[in-house]
């Protein structure tokens, strides 16, 4: 199948398919005119690549275990476990950082609202005392 058809079948852009090829994740045959010709298995390869990209893995990480996953889909490839563990560790660190940022913002918003509410109250009191 041609690159356009593979793109339609998988939802991956042509640009992404070319990138996957450049990263060594998919390998089309080349016709005499230079056109890419993909095997029927390429559709499964691209869907698998996109799945792992959605998990947040890099193309380099995916390249390390893609052939194992594609050749033995019913079994768990041992190359995947360290990648999963590393990604989980990264995500946990990011979540902790985001929680710290969130807490900081909540504190600043509370402080601001408390100060501005107090300032508004002071201004209203000053205005009332000037009237009387």
C-alpha atoms as a PDB file:
ATOM      1  CA  UNK A   1       0.000   0.000   0.000  1.00  0.00           C
ATOM      2  CA  UNK A   2       1.116   3.584  -0.611  1.00  0.00           C
ATOM      3  CA  UNK A   3       1.848   6.086   2.135  1.00  0.00           C
ATOM      4  CA  UNK A   4      -1.458   7.924   1.637  1.00  0.00           C
ATOM      5  CA  UNK A   5      -3.465   4.754   2.139  1.00  0.00           C
ATOM      6  CA  UNK A   6      -1.459   3.830   5.229  1.00  0.00           C
ATOM      7  CA  UNK A   7      -2.103   7.309   6.557  1.00  0.00           C
ATOM      8  CA  UNK A   8      -5.858   6.973   5.983  1.00  0.00           C
ATOM      9  CA  UNK A   9      -6.021   3.517   7.549  1.00  0.00           C
ATOM     10  CA  UNK A  10      -4.075   4.431  10.692  1.00  0.00           C
ATOM     11  CA  UNK A  11      -4.891   8.101  11.215  1.00  0.00           C
ATOM     12  CA  UNK A  12      -1.177   8.929  11.243  1.00  0.00           C
ATOM     13  CA  UNK A  13      -0.154  11.865   9.091  1.00  0.00           C
ATOM     14  CA  UNK A  14       2.119  11.304   6.128  1.00  0.00           C
ATOM     15  CA  UNK A  15       4.688  13.442   7.892  1.00  0.00           C
ATOM     16  CA  UNK A  16       4.519  11.150  10.945  1.00  0.00           C
ATOM     17  CA  UNK A  17       4.926   8.067   8.773  1.00  0.00           C
ATOM     18  CA  UNK A  18       8.028   9.560   7.200  1.00  0.00           C
ATOM     19  CA  UNK A  19       9.335  10.345  10.676  1.00  0.00           C
ATOM     20  CA  UNK A  20       8.701   6.770  11.834  1.00  0.00           C
ATOM     21  CA  UNK A  21      10.635   5.596   8.800  1.00  0.00           C
ATOM     22  CA  UNK A  22      13.523   7.967   9.557  1.00  0.00           C
ATOM     23  CA  UNK A  23      13.586   6.594  13.128  1.00  0.00           C
ATOM     24  CA  UNK A  24      13.756   3.027  11.826  1.00  0.00           C
ATOM     25  CA  UNK A  25      10.352   2.072  13.220  1.00  0.00           C
ATOM     26  CA  UNK A  26       8.830   1.169   9.857  1.00  0.00           C
ATOM     27  CA  UNK A  27      10.582   0.166   6.668  1.00  0.00           C
ATOM     28  CA  UNK A  28       8.795   0.414   3.342  1.00  0.00           C
ATOM     29  CA  UNK A  29      10.032  -1.053   0.126  1.00  0.00           C
ATOM     30  CA  UNK A  30      10.934   1.438  -2.588  1.00  0.00           C
ATOM     31  CA  UNK A  31       9.519   1.093  -6.053  1.00  0.00           C
ATOM     32  CA  UNK A  32      11.637   1.940  -9.086  1.00  0.00           C
ATOM     33  CA  UNK A  33      10.025   5.404  -9.176  1.00  0.00           C
ATOM     34  CA  UNK A  34      10.988   6.021  -5.519  1.00  0.00           C
ATOM     35  CA  UNK A  35       7.483   5.635  -4.120  1.00  0.00           C
ATOM     36  CA  UNK A  36       7.158   3.922  -0.776  1.00  0.00           C
ATOM     37  CA  UNK A  37       5.309   0.617  -0.738  1.00  0.00           C
ATOM     38  CA  UNK A  38       4.191  -0.634   2.671  1.00  0.00           C
ATOM     39  CA  UNK A  39       3.384  -4.229   3.527  1.00  0.00           C
ATOM     40  CA  UNK A  40      -0.006  -5.063   5.056  1.00  0.00           C
ATOM     41  CA  UNK A  41       1.794  -5.476   8.422  1.00  0.00           C
ATOM     42  CA  UNK A  42       2.729  -1.781   8.410  1.00  0.00           C
ATOM     43  CA  UNK A  43      -0.778  -0.872   9.540  1.00  0.00           C
ATOM     44  CA  UNK A  44      -0.359  -2.887  12.753  1.00  0.00           C
ATOM     45  CA  UNK A  45       3.144  -1.459  13.229  1.00  0.00           C
ATOM     46  CA  UNK A  46       1.893   2.126  12.975  1.00  0.00           C
ATOM     47  CA  UNK A  47      -1.041   1.492  15.324  1.00  0.00           C
ATOM     48  CA  UNK A  48       1.370  -0.034  17.839  1.00  0.00           C
ATOM     49  CA  UNK A  49       3.786   2.888  17.511  1.00  0.00           C
ATOM     50  CA  UNK A  50       0.980   5.380  18.034  1.00  0.00           C
ATOM     51  CA  UNK A  51      -0.247   3.464  21.095  1.00  0.00           C
ATOM     52  CA  UNK A  52       3.169   3.674  22.741  1.00  0.00           C
ATOM     53  CA  UNK A  53       3.566   7.331  21.776  1.00  0.00           C
ATOM     54  CA  UNK A  54       0.251   8.029  23.517  1.00  0.00           C
ATOM     55  CA  UNK A  55       1.714   6.417  26.645  1.00  0.00           C
ATOM     56  CA  UNK A  56       4.380   9.111  26.460  1.00  0.00           C
ATOM     57  CA  UNK A  57       7.241   6.941  25.277  1.00  0.00           C
ATOM     58  CA  UNK A  58       9.808   8.260  22.833  1.00  0.00           C
ATOM     59  CA  UNK A  59      10.494   6.772  19.426  1.00  0.00           C
ATOM     60  CA  UNK A  60      13.916   5.724  20.722  1.00  0.00           C
ATOM     61  CA  UNK A  61      12.306   3.789  23.571  1.00  0.00           C
ATOM     62  CA  UNK A  62       9.770   2.221  21.223  1.00  0.00           C
ATOM     63  CA  UNK A  63      12.503   1.159  18.804  1.00  0.00           C
ATOM     64  CA  UNK A  64      14.114  -0.854  21.607  1.00  0.00           C
ATOM     65  CA  UNK A  65      11.191  -3.249  21.940  1.00  0.00           C
ATOM     66  CA  UNK A  66       8.924  -2.798  18.904  1.00  0.00           C
ATOM     67  CA  UNK A  67      10.085  -5.892  17.050  1.00  0.00           C
ATOM     68  CA  UNK A  68       9.535  -8.031  20.152  1.00  0.00           C
ATOM     69  CA  UNK A  69       6.038  -6.653  20.708  1.00  0.00           C
ATOM     70  CA  UNK A  70       5.075  -7.130  17.073  1.00  0.00           C
ATOM     71  CA  UNK A  71       6.487 -10.648  16.801  1.00  0.00           C
ATOM     72  CA  UNK A  72       4.951 -11.914  20.058  1.00  0.00           C
ATOM     73  CA  UNK A  73       1.814  -9.887  20.824  1.00  0.00           C
ATOM     74  CA  UNK A  74       0.396 -12.558  23.124  1.00  0.00           C
ATOM     75  CA  UNK A  75       3.418 -12.515  25.449  1.00  0.00           C
ATOM     76  CA  UNK A  76       5.036  -9.767  27.461  1.00  0.00           C
ATOM     77  CA  UNK A  77       8.413  -8.668  26.154  1.00  0.00           C
ATOM     78  CA  UNK A  78      10.991  -8.270  28.896  1.00  0.00           C
ATOM     79  CA  UNK A  79      12.441  -5.194  27.133  1.00  0.00           C
ATOM     80  CA  UNK A  80       9.218  -3.287  27.861  1.00  0.00           C
ATOM     81  CA  UNK A  81       9.278  -3.529  31.662  1.00  0.00           C
ATOM     82  CA  UNK A  82      12.296  -1.248  32.310  1.00  0.00           C
ATOM     83  CA  UNK A  83      10.859   1.327  29.893  1.00  0.00           C
ATOM     84  CA  UNK A  84       7.495   1.239  31.699  1.00  0.00           C
ATOM     85  CA  UNK A  85       9.198   1.545  35.089  1.00  0.00           C
ATOM     86  CA  UNK A  86      11.293   4.495  33.922  1.00  0.00           C
ATOM     87  CA  UNK A  87       8.272   6.247  32.435  1.00  0.00           C
ATOM     88  CA  UNK A  88       6.259   5.694  35.619  1.00  0.00           C
ATOM     89  CA  UNK A  89       9.086   7.146  37.701  1.00  0.00           C
ATOM     90  CA  UNK A  90       9.244  10.189  35.409  1.00  0.00           C
ATOM     91  CA  UNK A  91       5.477  10.672  35.636  1.00  0.00           C
ATOM     92  CA  UNK A  92       5.508  10.424  39.424  1.00  0.00           C
ATOM     93  CA  UNK A  93       8.229  13.095  39.587  1.00  0.00           C
ATOM     94  CA  UNK A  94       6.231  15.330  37.237  1.00  0.00           C
ATOM     95  CA  UNK A  95       3.070  14.836  39.314  1.00  0.00           C
ATOM     96  CA  UNK A  96       4.965  15.778  42.491  1.00  0.00           C
ATOM     97  CA  UNK A  97       6.327  18.886  40.783  1.00  0.00           C
ATOM     98  CA  UNK A  98       2.874  19.841  39.504  1.00  0.00           C
ATOM     99  CA  UNK A  99       1.427  19.400  43.014  1.00  0.00           C
ATOM    100  CA  UNK A 100       4.105  21.751  44.409  1.00  0.00           C
ATOM    101  CA  UNK A 101       3.320  24.309  41.703  1.00  0.00           C
ATOM    102  CA  UNK A 102      -0.414  23.937  42.344  1.00  0.00           C
ATOM    103  CA  UNK A 103       0.022  24.378  46.100  1.00  0.00           C
ATOM    104  CA  UNK A 104       2.160  27.467  45.512  1.00  0.00           C
ATOM    105  CA  UNK A 105      -0.469  28.974  43.209  1.00  0.00           C
ATOM    106  CA  UNK A 106      -3.293  28.190  45.658  1.00  0.00           C
ATOM    107  CA  UNK A 107      -1.317  29.886  48.436  1.00  0.00           C
ATOM    108  CA  UNK A 108      -0.617  32.945  46.274  1.00  0.00           C
ATOM    109  CA  UNK A 109      -4.242  33.218  45.162  1.00  0.00           C
ATOM    110  CA  UNK A 110      -5.457  32.891  48.749  1.00  0.00           C
ATOM    111  CA  UNK A 111      -2.939  35.465  49.893  1.00  0.00           C
ATOM    112  CA  UNK A 112      -3.896  37.835  47.097  1.00  0.00           C
ATOM    113  CA  UNK A 113      -7.604  37.487  47.741  1.00  0.00           C
ATOM    114  CA  UNK A 114      -7.063  37.929  51.447  1.00  0.00           C
ATOM    115  CA  UNK A 115      -4.940  41.065  50.931  1.00  0.00           C
ATOM    116  CA  UNK A 116      -7.127  42.573  48.229  1.00  0.00           C
ATOM    117  CA  UNK A 117     -10.264  41.839  50.232  1.00  0.00           C
ATOM    118  CA  UNK A 118      -8.651  43.506  53.231  1.00  0.00           C
ATOM    119  CA  UNK A 119      -7.550  46.471  51.110  1.00  0.00           C
ATOM    120  CA  UNK A 120     -11.063  46.839  49.723  1.00  0.00           C
ATOM    121  CA  UNK A 121     -12.468  46.699  53.240  1.00  0.00           C
ATOM    122  CA  UNK A 122      -9.985  49.359  54.409  1.00  0.00           C
ATOM    123  CA  UNK A 123     -10.859  51.577  51.450  1.00  0.00           C
ATOM    124  CA  UNK A 124     -14.593  51.191  52.118  1.00  0.00           C
ATOM    125  CA  UNK A 125     -14.077  52.056  55.799  1.00  0.00           C
ATOM    126  CA  UNK A 126     -11.989  55.096  54.846  1.00  0.00           C
ATOM    127  CA  UNK A 127     -14.683  56.217  52.391  1.00  0.00           C
ATOM    128  CA  UNK A 128     -17.436  55.799  55.025  1.00  0.00           C
ATOM    129  CA  UNK A 129     -15.444  57.714  57.644  1.00  0.00           C
ATOM    130  CA  UNK A 130     -14.939  60.588  55.200  1.00  0.00           C
ATOM    131  CA  UNK A 131     -18.709  60.824  54.628  1.00  0.00           C
ATOM    132  CA  UNK A 132     -19.542  61.166  58.313  1.00  0.00           C
END
